[in-house]
Amino acid sequence: MKIGIVILIIVLILALVLGSSFVTRRNQMAIKREAVNAAWSQVDVALQRRADLIPNLVETVKGYAVQEQVVYGEIAKARSALLNAGTPADKIAANGQLDSALGRLLVIVENYPQLKSNENFMRLQDELAGTENRIAIERRNYNQVVQDYNTYISLFPNSLVASMAGFTRNDAYFKTEAGARQAPKVDFDYNKKPAPATPAPTPAPAHP
């Protein structure tokens, strides 16, 4: 009888310890998942801000380069995909397309230095540059938070708790592949002087 009571007490203690550990780990996973959601919200705000700037920027550039309809169409399509995306993964994919289209727009702008005299364009490019910087900061923070969450739920015994509690890996993060296009750098300083060419070395005189 006494042995049975001792066994029961040990079982109850083990159940209490395991249950407490399960609840603690599950709560930590919930906290980290909410951190991911909060970080994504900041990314989403920055992406929306840039999407709001793009139509006015494109219309201003059109005043000087109306023939570049293909690029304008690509920007409109990518912007629409971004605004209509329903999940972070879809928005990240659409954002990559928009980055590429904006990069081509900036190449066009470099061919029209007279745009610098347009006050509206200069204001928009300043706002776009600030927004690009904010996106870079927020996406880096988001990636770090997602990585922290994924690492935590993959460690043992957290992986067992995650499986039982319904926590799954989050693969919706910004990827940077080798050789991939860099984020567009907004730089419309047309007053910069090109670097002087390096003079060619003088050939040595031929010996008779």
C-alpha atoms as a PDB file:
ATOM      1  CA  MET A   1       0.000   0.000   0.000  1.00  0.00           C
ATOM      2  CA  LYS A   2       2.755   2.389   0.947  1.00  0.00           C
ATOM      3  CA  ILE A   3       4.697   1.510  -2.211  1.00  0.00           C
ATOM      4  CA  GLY A   4       1.648   2.310  -4.307  1.00  0.00           C
ATOM      5  CA  ILE A   5       1.274   5.693  -2.642  1.00  0.00           C
ATOM      6  CA  VAL A   6       4.961   6.482  -3.248  1.00  0.00           C
ATOM      7  CA  ILE A   7       4.654   5.518  -6.897  1.00  0.00           C
ATOM      8  CA  LEU A   8       1.546   7.644  -7.239  1.00  0.00           C
ATOM      9  CA  ILE A   9       3.310  10.630  -5.678  1.00  0.00           C
ATOM     10  CA  ILE A  10       6.283  10.194  -8.029  1.00  0.00           C
ATOM     11  CA  VAL A  11       3.969   9.977 -11.039  1.00  0.00           C
ATOM     12  CA  LEU A  12       2.126  13.110  -9.934  1.00  0.00           C
ATOM     13  CA  ILE A  13       5.389  14.990  -9.446  1.00  0.00           C
ATOM     14  CA  LEU A  14       6.634  13.937 -12.876  1.00  0.00           C
ATOM     15  CA  ALA A  15       3.319  14.911 -14.454  1.00  0.00           C
ATOM     16  CA  LEU A  16       3.480  18.292 -12.713  1.00  0.00           C
ATOM     17  CA  VAL A  17       7.056  18.904 -13.891  1.00  0.00           C
ATOM     18  CA  LEU A  18       6.344  17.814 -17.452  1.00  0.00           C
ATOM     19  CA  GLY A  19       3.089  19.746 -17.572  1.00  0.00           C
ATOM     20  CA  SER A  20       4.770  22.867 -16.263  1.00  0.00           C
ATOM     21  CA  SER A  21       7.567  22.513 -18.806  1.00  0.00           C
ATOM     22  CA  PHE A  22       5.035  21.991 -21.598  1.00  0.00           C
ATOM     23  CA  VAL A  23       3.054  25.092 -20.651  1.00  0.00           C
ATOM     24  CA  THR A  24       6.202  27.201 -20.271  1.00  0.00           C
ATOM     25  CA  ARG A  25       7.577  26.191 -23.647  1.00  0.00           C
ATOM     26  CA  ARG A  26       4.223  26.594 -25.356  1.00  0.00           C
ATOM     27  CA  ASN A  27       3.822  30.099 -23.915  1.00  0.00           C
ATOM     28  CA  GLN A  28       7.302  31.016 -25.120  1.00  0.00           C
ATOM     29  CA  MET A  29       6.418  29.817 -28.607  1.00  0.00           C
ATOM     30  CA  ALA A  30       3.271  31.919 -28.551  1.00  0.00           C
ATOM     31  CA  ILE A  31       5.301  34.968 -27.516  1.00  0.00           C
ATOM     32  CA  LYS A  32       7.803  34.421 -30.324  1.00  0.00           C
ATOM     33  CA  ARG A  33       5.033  33.900 -32.864  1.00  0.00           C
ATOM     34  CA  GLU A  34       3.423  37.168 -31.815  1.00  0.00           C
ATOM     35  CA  ALA A  35       6.817  38.853 -32.172  1.00  0.00           C
ATOM     36  CA  VAL A  36       6.890  37.597 -35.759  1.00  0.00           C
ATOM     37  CA  ASN A  37       3.425  39.030 -36.385  1.00  0.00           C
ATOM     38  CA  ALA A  38       4.411  42.371 -34.867  1.00  0.00           C
ATOM     39  CA  ALA A  39       7.591  42.545 -36.958  1.00  0.00           C
ATOM     40  CA  TRP A  40       5.627  41.747 -40.096  1.00  0.00           C
ATOM     41  CA  SER A  41       3.178  44.551 -39.320  1.00  0.00           C
ATOM     42  CA  GLN A  42       6.065  47.016 -39.410  1.00  0.00           C
ATOM     43  CA  VAL A  43       7.254  45.606 -42.739  1.00  0.00           C
ATOM     44  CA  ASP A  44       3.723  45.815 -44.124  1.00  0.00           C
ATOM     45  CA  VAL A  45       3.397  49.481 -43.140  1.00  0.00           C
ATOM     46  CA  ALA A  46       6.662  50.333 -44.917  1.00  0.00           C
ATOM     47  CA  LEU A  47       5.674  48.390 -48.049  1.00  0.00           C
ATOM     48  CA  GLN A  48       2.297  50.127 -48.115  1.00  0.00           C
ATOM     49  CA  ARG A  49       3.984  53.506 -47.764  1.00  0.00           C
ATOM     50  CA  ARG A  50       6.186  52.802 -50.784  1.00  0.00           C
ATOM     51  CA  ALA A  51       3.214  51.509 -52.782  1.00  0.00           C
ATOM     52  CA  ASP A  52       1.421  54.792 -52.085  1.00  0.00           C
ATOM     53  CA  LEU A  53       4.373  56.811 -53.399  1.00  0.00           C
ATOM     54  CA  ILE A  54       4.853  54.874 -56.626  1.00  0.00           C
ATOM     55  CA  PRO A  55       1.873  56.166 -58.711  1.00  0.00           C
ATOM     56  CA  ASN A  56       2.858  59.817 -58.283  1.00  0.00           C
ATOM     57  CA  LEU A  57       6.500  58.995 -58.960  1.00  0.00           C
ATOM     58  CA  VAL A  58       5.636  57.123 -62.154  1.00  0.00           C
ATOM     59  CA  GLU A  59       3.341  59.888 -63.381  1.00  0.00           C
ATOM     60  CA  THR A  60       6.097  62.443 -62.860  1.00  0.00           C
ATOM     61  CA  VAL A  61       8.619  60.337 -64.794  1.00  0.00           C
ATOM     62  CA  LYS A  62       6.063  59.811 -67.565  1.00  0.00           C
ATOM     63  CA  GLY A  63       6.141  63.546 -68.203  1.00  0.00           C
ATOM     64  CA  TYR A  64       9.701  63.113 -69.443  1.00  0.00           C
ATOM     65  CA  ALA A  65       9.753  59.505 -70.657  1.00  0.00           C
ATOM     66  CA  VAL A  66       6.256  58.676 -71.859  1.00  0.00           C
ATOM     67  CA  GLN A  67       7.552  56.007 -74.259  1.00  0.00           C
ATOM     68  CA  GLU A  68       8.670  53.632 -71.478  1.00  0.00           C
ATOM     69  CA  GLN A  69       5.254  51.963 -71.270  1.00  0.00           C
ATOM     70  CA  VAL A  70       6.613  48.443 -70.704  1.00  0.00           C
ATOM     71  CA  VAL A  71       8.350  49.440 -67.476  1.00  0.00           C
ATOM     72  CA  TYR A  72       5.322  51.378 -66.274  1.00  0.00           C
ATOM     73  CA  GLY A  73       3.146  48.350 -66.939  1.00  0.00           C
ATOM     74  CA  GLU A  74       5.490  46.086 -64.983  1.00  0.00           C
ATOM     75  CA  ILE A  75       5.426  48.474 -62.032  1.00  0.00           C
ATOM     76  CA  ALA A  76       1.622  48.680 -62.085  1.00  0.00           C
ATOM     77  CA  LYS A  77       1.300  44.895 -62.242  1.00  0.00           C
ATOM     78  CA  ALA A  78       3.777  44.313 -59.398  1.00  0.00           C
ATOM     79  CA  ARG A  79       2.175  47.026 -57.252  1.00  0.00           C
ATOM     80  CA  SER A  80      -1.270  45.502 -57.786  1.00  0.00           C
ATOM     81  CA  ALA A  81       0.044  42.048 -56.819  1.00  0.00           C
ATOM     82  CA  LEU A  82       1.553  43.502 -53.651  1.00  0.00           C
ATOM     83  CA  LEU A  83      -1.619  45.285 -52.602  1.00  0.00           C
ATOM     84  CA  ASN A  84      -3.820  42.251 -53.334  1.00  0.00           C
ATOM     85  CA  ALA A  85      -1.545  39.672 -51.687  1.00  0.00           C
ATOM     86  CA  GLY A  86      -3.250  37.905 -48.804  1.00  0.00           C
ATOM     87  CA  THR A  87      -0.300  36.360 -46.962  1.00  0.00           C
ATOM     88  CA  PRO A  88       3.204  37.505 -45.986  1.00  0.00           C
ATOM     89  CA  ALA A  89       4.705  34.943 -48.382  1.00  0.00           C
ATOM     90  CA  ASP A  90       2.663  36.352 -51.284  1.00  0.00           C
ATOM     91  CA  LYS A  91       3.580  39.918 -50.360  1.00  0.00           C
ATOM     92  CA  ILE A  92       7.264  39.057 -50.137  1.00  0.00           C
ATOM     93  CA  ALA A  93       7.140  37.507 -53.613  1.00  0.00           C
ATOM     94  CA  ALA A  94       5.263  40.505 -55.037  1.00  0.00           C
ATOM     95  CA  ASN A  95       7.682  42.870 -53.335  1.00  0.00           C
ATOM     96  CA  GLY A  96      10.581  41.175 -55.120  1.00  0.00           C
ATOM     97  CA  GLN A  97       8.879  41.808 -58.452  1.00  0.00           C
ATOM     98  CA  LEU A  98       8.238  45.428 -57.499  1.00  0.00           C
ATOM     99  CA  ASP A  99      11.883  45.878 -56.484  1.00  0.00           C
ATOM    100  CA  SER A 100      12.983  44.686 -59.923  1.00  0.00           C
ATOM    101  CA  ALA A 101      10.521  46.969 -61.725  1.00  0.00           C
ATOM    102  CA  LEU A 102      11.575  49.967 -59.649  1.00  0.00           C
ATOM    103  CA  GLY A 103      15.187  49.214 -60.412  1.00  0.00           C
ATOM    104  CA  ARG A 104      14.416  49.488 -64.141  1.00  0.00           C
ATOM    105  CA  LEU A 105      12.544  52.754 -63.535  1.00  0.00           C
ATOM    106  CA  LEU A 106      15.580  54.241 -61.805  1.00  0.00           C
ATOM    107  CA  VAL A 107      17.724  53.290 -64.803  1.00  0.00           C
ATOM    108  CA  ILE A 108      15.313  55.246 -67.002  1.00  0.00           C
ATOM    109  CA  VAL A 109      15.491  58.240 -64.676  1.00  0.00           C
ATOM    110  CA  GLU A 110      19.274  58.361 -65.039  1.00  0.00           C
ATOM    111  CA  ASN A 111      18.769  59.069 -68.743  1.00  0.00           C
ATOM    112  CA  TYR A 112      16.672  62.184 -68.007  1.00  0.00           C
ATOM    113  CA  PRO A 113      18.730  64.524 -65.789  1.00  0.00           C
ATOM    114  CA  GLN A 114      16.260  67.339 -66.436  1.00  0.00           C
ATOM    115  CA  LEU A 115      13.977  65.636 -63.912  1.00  0.00           C
ATOM    116  CA  LYS A 116      16.063  67.240 -61.171  1.00  0.00           C
ATOM    117  CA  SER A 117      14.413  70.563 -61.968  1.00  0.00           C
ATOM    118  CA  ASN A 118      10.998  69.117 -61.138  1.00  0.00           C
ATOM    119  CA  GLU A 119      10.221  69.981 -57.515  1.00  0.00           C
ATOM    120  CA  ASN A 120       7.537  67.314 -57.193  1.00  0.00           C
ATOM    121  CA  PHE A 121       9.932  64.630 -58.424  1.00  0.00           C
ATOM    122  CA  MET A 122      12.661  65.723 -56.023  1.00  0.00           C
ATOM    123  CA  ARG A 123      10.227  65.593 -53.116  1.00  0.00           C
ATOM    124  CA  LEU A 124       9.003  62.149 -54.133  1.00  0.00           C
ATOM    125  CA  GLN A 125      12.522  60.763 -54.556  1.00  0.00           C
ATOM    126  CA  ASP A 126      13.434  62.001 -51.064  1.00  0.00           C
ATOM    127  CA  GLU A 127      10.373  60.273 -49.615  1.00  0.00           C
ATOM    128  CA  LEU A 128      11.092  57.102 -51.594  1.00  0.00           C
ATOM    129  CA  ALA A 129      14.706  57.036 -50.392  1.00  0.00           C
ATOM    130  CA  GLY A 130      13.548  57.310 -46.778  1.00  0.00           C
ATOM    131  CA  THR A 131      10.965  54.580 -47.308  1.00  0.00           C
ATOM    132  CA  GLU A 132      13.524  52.237 -48.903  1.00  0.00           C
ATOM    133  CA  ASN A 133      15.757  52.680 -45.862  1.00  0.00           C
ATOM    134  CA  ARG A 134      12.839  51.912 -43.548  1.00  0.00           C
ATOM    135  CA  ILE A 135      11.962  48.781 -45.535  1.00  0.00           C
ATOM    136  CA  ALA A 136      15.565  47.565 -45.320  1.00  0.00           C
ATOM    137  CA  ILE A 137      15.571  48.016 -41.538  1.00  0.00           C
ATOM    138  CA  GLU A 138      12.179  46.397 -40.967  1.00  0.00           C
ATOM    139  CA  ARG A 139      12.796  43.416 -43.247  1.00  0.00           C
ATOM    140  CA  ARG A 140      16.125  42.722 -41.530  1.00  0.00           C
ATOM    141  CA  ASN A 141      14.422  42.827 -38.136  1.00  0.00           C
ATOM    142  CA  TYR A 142      11.601  40.598 -39.420  1.00  0.00           C
ATOM    143  CA  ASN A 143      14.044  38.013 -40.758  1.00  0.00           C
ATOM    144  CA  GLN A 144      15.840  37.910 -37.417  1.00  0.00           C
ATOM    145  CA  VAL A 145      12.608  37.396 -35.488  1.00  0.00           C
ATOM    146  CA  VAL A 146      11.456  34.649 -37.866  1.00  0.00           C
ATOM    147  CA  GLN A 147      14.806  32.901 -37.585  1.00  0.00           C
ATOM    148  CA  ASP A 148      14.619  33.059 -33.787  1.00  0.00           C
ATOM    149  CA  TYR A 149      11.119  31.544 -33.806  1.00  0.00           C
ATOM    150  CA  ASN A 150      12.058  28.784 -36.258  1.00  0.00           C
ATOM    151  CA  THR A 151      15.196  27.901 -34.321  1.00  0.00           C
ATOM    152  CA  TYR A 152      13.324  27.750 -31.029  1.00  0.00           C
ATOM    153  CA  ILE A 153      10.595  25.378 -32.203  1.00  0.00           C
ATOM    154  CA  SER A 154      13.095  23.115 -33.965  1.00  0.00           C
ATOM    155  CA  LEU A 155      15.179  22.401 -30.848  1.00  0.00           C
ATOM    156  CA  PHE A 156      14.460  19.301 -28.782  1.00  0.00           C
ATOM    157  CA  PRO A 157      12.264  18.975 -26.746  1.00  0.00           C
ATOM    158  CA  ASN A 158      10.640  22.148 -28.090  1.00  0.00           C
ATOM    159  CA  SER A 159       9.950  20.328 -31.347  1.00  0.00           C
ATOM    160  CA  LEU A 160       7.733  17.841 -29.497  1.00  0.00           C
ATOM    161  CA  VAL A 161       5.813  20.640 -27.815  1.00  0.00           C
ATOM    162  CA  ALA A 162       5.470  22.511 -31.114  1.00  0.00           C
ATOM    163  CA  SER A 163       4.103  19.404 -32.810  1.00  0.00           C
ATOM    164  CA  MET A 164       1.522  18.806 -30.069  1.00  0.00           C
ATOM    165  CA  ALA A 165       0.564  22.476 -29.731  1.00  0.00           C
ATOM    166  CA  GLY A 166       0.278  23.198 -33.452  1.00  0.00           C
ATOM    167  CA  PHE A 167       3.276  25.492 -33.922  1.00  0.00           C
ATOM    168  CA  THR A 168       4.811  25.129 -37.387  1.00  0.00           C
ATOM    169  CA  ARG A 169       7.855  26.525 -39.118  1.00  0.00           C
ATOM    170  CA  ASN A 170       7.460  29.936 -40.757  1.00  0.00           C
ATOM    171  CA  ASP A 171       9.153  30.067 -44.169  1.00  0.00           C
ATOM    172  CA  ALA A 172       7.770  33.482 -45.162  1.00  0.00           C
ATOM    173  CA  TYR A 173      10.954  35.499 -44.941  1.00  0.00           C
ATOM    174  CA  PHE A 174      12.964  37.703 -47.278  1.00  0.00           C
ATOM    175  CA  LYS A 175      15.547  35.613 -49.099  1.00  0.00           C
ATOM    176  CA  THR A 176      18.749  36.951 -50.614  1.00  0.00           C
ATOM    177  CA  GLU A 177      20.165  34.588 -53.192  1.00  0.00           C
ATOM    178  CA  ALA A 178      23.701  34.705 -54.511  1.00  0.00           C
ATOM    179  CA  GLY A 179      23.869  37.037 -57.491  1.00  0.00           C
ATOM    180  CA  ALA A 180      20.363  38.336 -56.842  1.00  0.00           C
ATOM    181  CA  ARG A 181      19.518  41.942 -57.614  1.00  0.00           C
ATOM    182  CA  GLN A 182      20.179  44.304 -54.764  1.00  0.00           C
ATOM    183  CA  ALA A 183      17.429  46.530 -53.443  1.00  0.00           C
ATOM    184  CA  PRO A 184      17.184  49.667 -55.592  1.00  0.00           C
ATOM    185  CA  LYS A 185      19.414  52.429 -54.322  1.00  0.00           C
ATOM    186  CA  VAL A 186      17.666  55.749 -54.791  1.00  0.00           C
ATOM    187  CA  ASP A 187      20.322  58.220 -55.870  1.00  0.00           C
ATOM    188  CA  PHE A 188      19.444  61.097 -58.177  1.00  0.00           C
ATOM    189  CA  ASP A 189      22.476  63.297 -57.542  1.00  0.00           C
ATOM    190  CA  TYR A 190      23.206  64.512 -61.051  1.00  0.00           C
ATOM    191  CA  ASN A 191      25.801  66.980 -59.806  1.00  0.00           C
ATOM    192  CA  LYS A 192      28.299  64.197 -59.107  1.00  0.00           C
ATOM    193  CA  LYS A 193      31.307  64.312 -61.384  1.00  0.00           C
ATOM    194  CA  PRO A 194      32.481  61.087 -62.979  1.00  0.00           C
ATOM    195  CA  ALA A 195      35.714  59.679 -61.631  1.00  0.00           C
ATOM    196  CA  PRO A 196      38.715  60.686 -63.768  1.00  0.00           C
ATOM    197  CA  ALA A 197      40.021  57.994 -66.039  1.00  0.00           C
ATOM    198  CA  THR A 198      43.282  56.408 -65.046  1.00  0.00           C
ATOM    199  CA  PRO A 199      45.968  57.451 -67.592  1.00  0.00           C
ATOM    200  CA  ALA A 200      47.526  54.646 -69.554  1.00  0.00           C
ATOM    201  CA  PRO A 201      51.194  53.973 -68.719  1.00  0.00           C
ATOM    202  CA  THR A 202      53.759  55.416 -71.131  1.00  0.00           C
ATOM    203  CA  PRO A 203      55.452  52.603 -73.077  1.00  0.00           C
ATOM    204  CA  ALA A 204      59.182  52.218 -72.527  1.00  0.00           C
ATOM    205  CA  PRO A 205      61.383  53.269 -75.468  1.00  0.00           C
ATOM    206  CA  ALA A 206      62.567  50.441 -77.625  1.00  0.00           C
ATOM    207  CA  HIS A 207      66.262  49.569 -77.362  1.00  0.00           C
ATOM    208  CA  PRO A 208      68.250  49.235 -80.593  1.00  0.00           C
END
